[in-house]
Protein backbone atom coordinates (compact mmCIF):
# COMPACT_ATOMS: atom_id res chain seq x y z
CA MET A 1 2.24 -0.68 7.04
CA ARG A 2 -0.30 -0.49 4.25
CA ARG A 3 -3.07 -3.10 4.00
CA PHE A 4 -5.37 -3.71 1.05
CA GLU A 5 -8.49 -5.87 1.00
CA PHE A 6 -10.72 -7.28 -1.71
CA VAL A 7 -14.20 -8.45 -0.74
CA ASP A 8 -16.59 -9.51 -3.51
CA GLY A 9 -19.09 -12.36 -3.40
CA ASN A 10 -17.25 -15.38 -1.97
CA SER A 11 -13.85 -13.69 -2.26
CA SER A 12 -12.38 -12.11 0.86
CA LYS A 13 -8.64 -11.47 0.53
CA PHE A 14 -5.94 -9.22 1.98
CA TRP A 15 -2.61 -8.03 0.59
CA VAL A 16 0.07 -6.27 2.68
CA PRO A 17 3.16 -4.87 0.90
CA GLU A 18 6.30 -3.88 2.81
CA LEU A 19 9.74 -2.54 1.92
CA GLN A 20 12.87 -3.29 3.94
CA GLY A 21 15.77 -1.71 2.12
CA ALA A 22 16.13 -3.54 -1.20
CA THR A 23 13.73 -6.31 -0.15
CA PHE A 24 10.07 -6.23 -1.20
CA ILE A 25 7.89 -8.34 1.11
CA VAL A 26 4.25 -9.25 0.53
CA THR A 27 1.90 -10.99 2.94
CA TYR A 28 -1.37 -12.14 1.40
CA GLY A 29 -4.24 -14.54 1.84
CA ARG A 30 -7.83 -14.91 2.95
CA ILE A 31 -9.07 -12.43 5.52
CA GLY A 32 -9.04 -14.06 8.96
CA THR A 33 -5.91 -16.14 8.29
CA ALA A 34 -2.23 -15.40 8.83
CA GLY A 35 -1.69 -15.70 5.06
CA GLN A 36 1.49 -16.40 3.17
CA ARG A 37 4.66 -14.33 3.02
CA LYS A 38 6.89 -13.84 -0.03
CA GLU A 39 10.14 -11.90 -0.21
CA LYS A 40 11.97 -10.67 -3.27
CA VAL A 41 15.43 -9.06 -3.08
CA PHE A 42 16.33 -6.40 -5.64
CA PRO A 43 19.75 -5.03 -6.63
CA ASP A 44 19.01 -1.69 -4.92
CA GLU A 45 16.35 0.20 -2.97
CA ASP A 46 15.17 2.13 -6.06
CA ALA A 47 14.35 -1.08 -7.91
CA ALA A 48 12.45 -2.40 -4.88
CA GLN A 49 10.51 0.88 -4.60
CA LYS A 50 9.55 0.72 -8.29
CA GLU A 51 8.23 -2.83 -7.87
CA TYR A 52 6.33 -1.79 -4.72
CA ASN A 53 4.65 1.11 -6.56
CA LYS A 54 3.86 -1.09 -9.57
CA LYS A 55 2.26 -3.84 -7.45
CA VAL A 56 0.21 -1.38 -5.36
CA ALA A 57 -1.17 0.20 -8.57
CA GLU A 58 -1.90 -3.28 -9.95
CA LYS A 59 -3.86 -4.32 -6.83
CA VAL A 60 -5.89 -1.09 -6.88
CA ARG A 61 -6.76 -1.71 -10.56
CA GLU A 62 -7.87 -5.24 -9.60
CA GLY A 63 -10.33 -3.80 -7.08
CA TYR A 64 -8.39 -3.94 -3.81
CA ALA A 65 -9.07 -1.05 -1.44
CA GLU A 66 -6.61 0.30 1.09
CA VAL A 67 -8.14 -0.19 4.52
CA THR A 68 -5.40 0.81 6.96
CA SER A 69 -1.82 1.93 7.16
CA GLY A 70 -0.80 0.67 10.57
CA GLU A 71 -2.51 -2.52 11.71
CA ALA A 72 -1.23 -6.06 11.34
CA PRO A 73 -3.42 -8.71 9.70
CA PRO A 74 -6.03 -10.09 12.10
CA ALA A 75 -5.14 -13.24 13.99
CA PRO A 76 -6.91 -16.41 12.86
CA PRO A 77 -9.79 -17.52 15.06
CA PRO A 78 -8.92 -20.16 17.68
CA LYS A 79 -9.55 -23.77 16.66
CA ALA A 80 -12.12 -25.64 18.71
């Protein structure tokens, strides 16, 4: 799974895109949190792949850098 991060000044965010058939899933949020998950279902796998490619290119243009292709987002720190 691909993971992108954006760290600049006070901003520290992650963005993880995923394809499951015709469903495009994104998990995003502040680094160190579980984040939020959004799913969008497309009519077919090709349409989902096009959206995936478009969003990845958009995030790279915005300054996100790909940091890994296999790790899950880090778990949030335990609450005291």
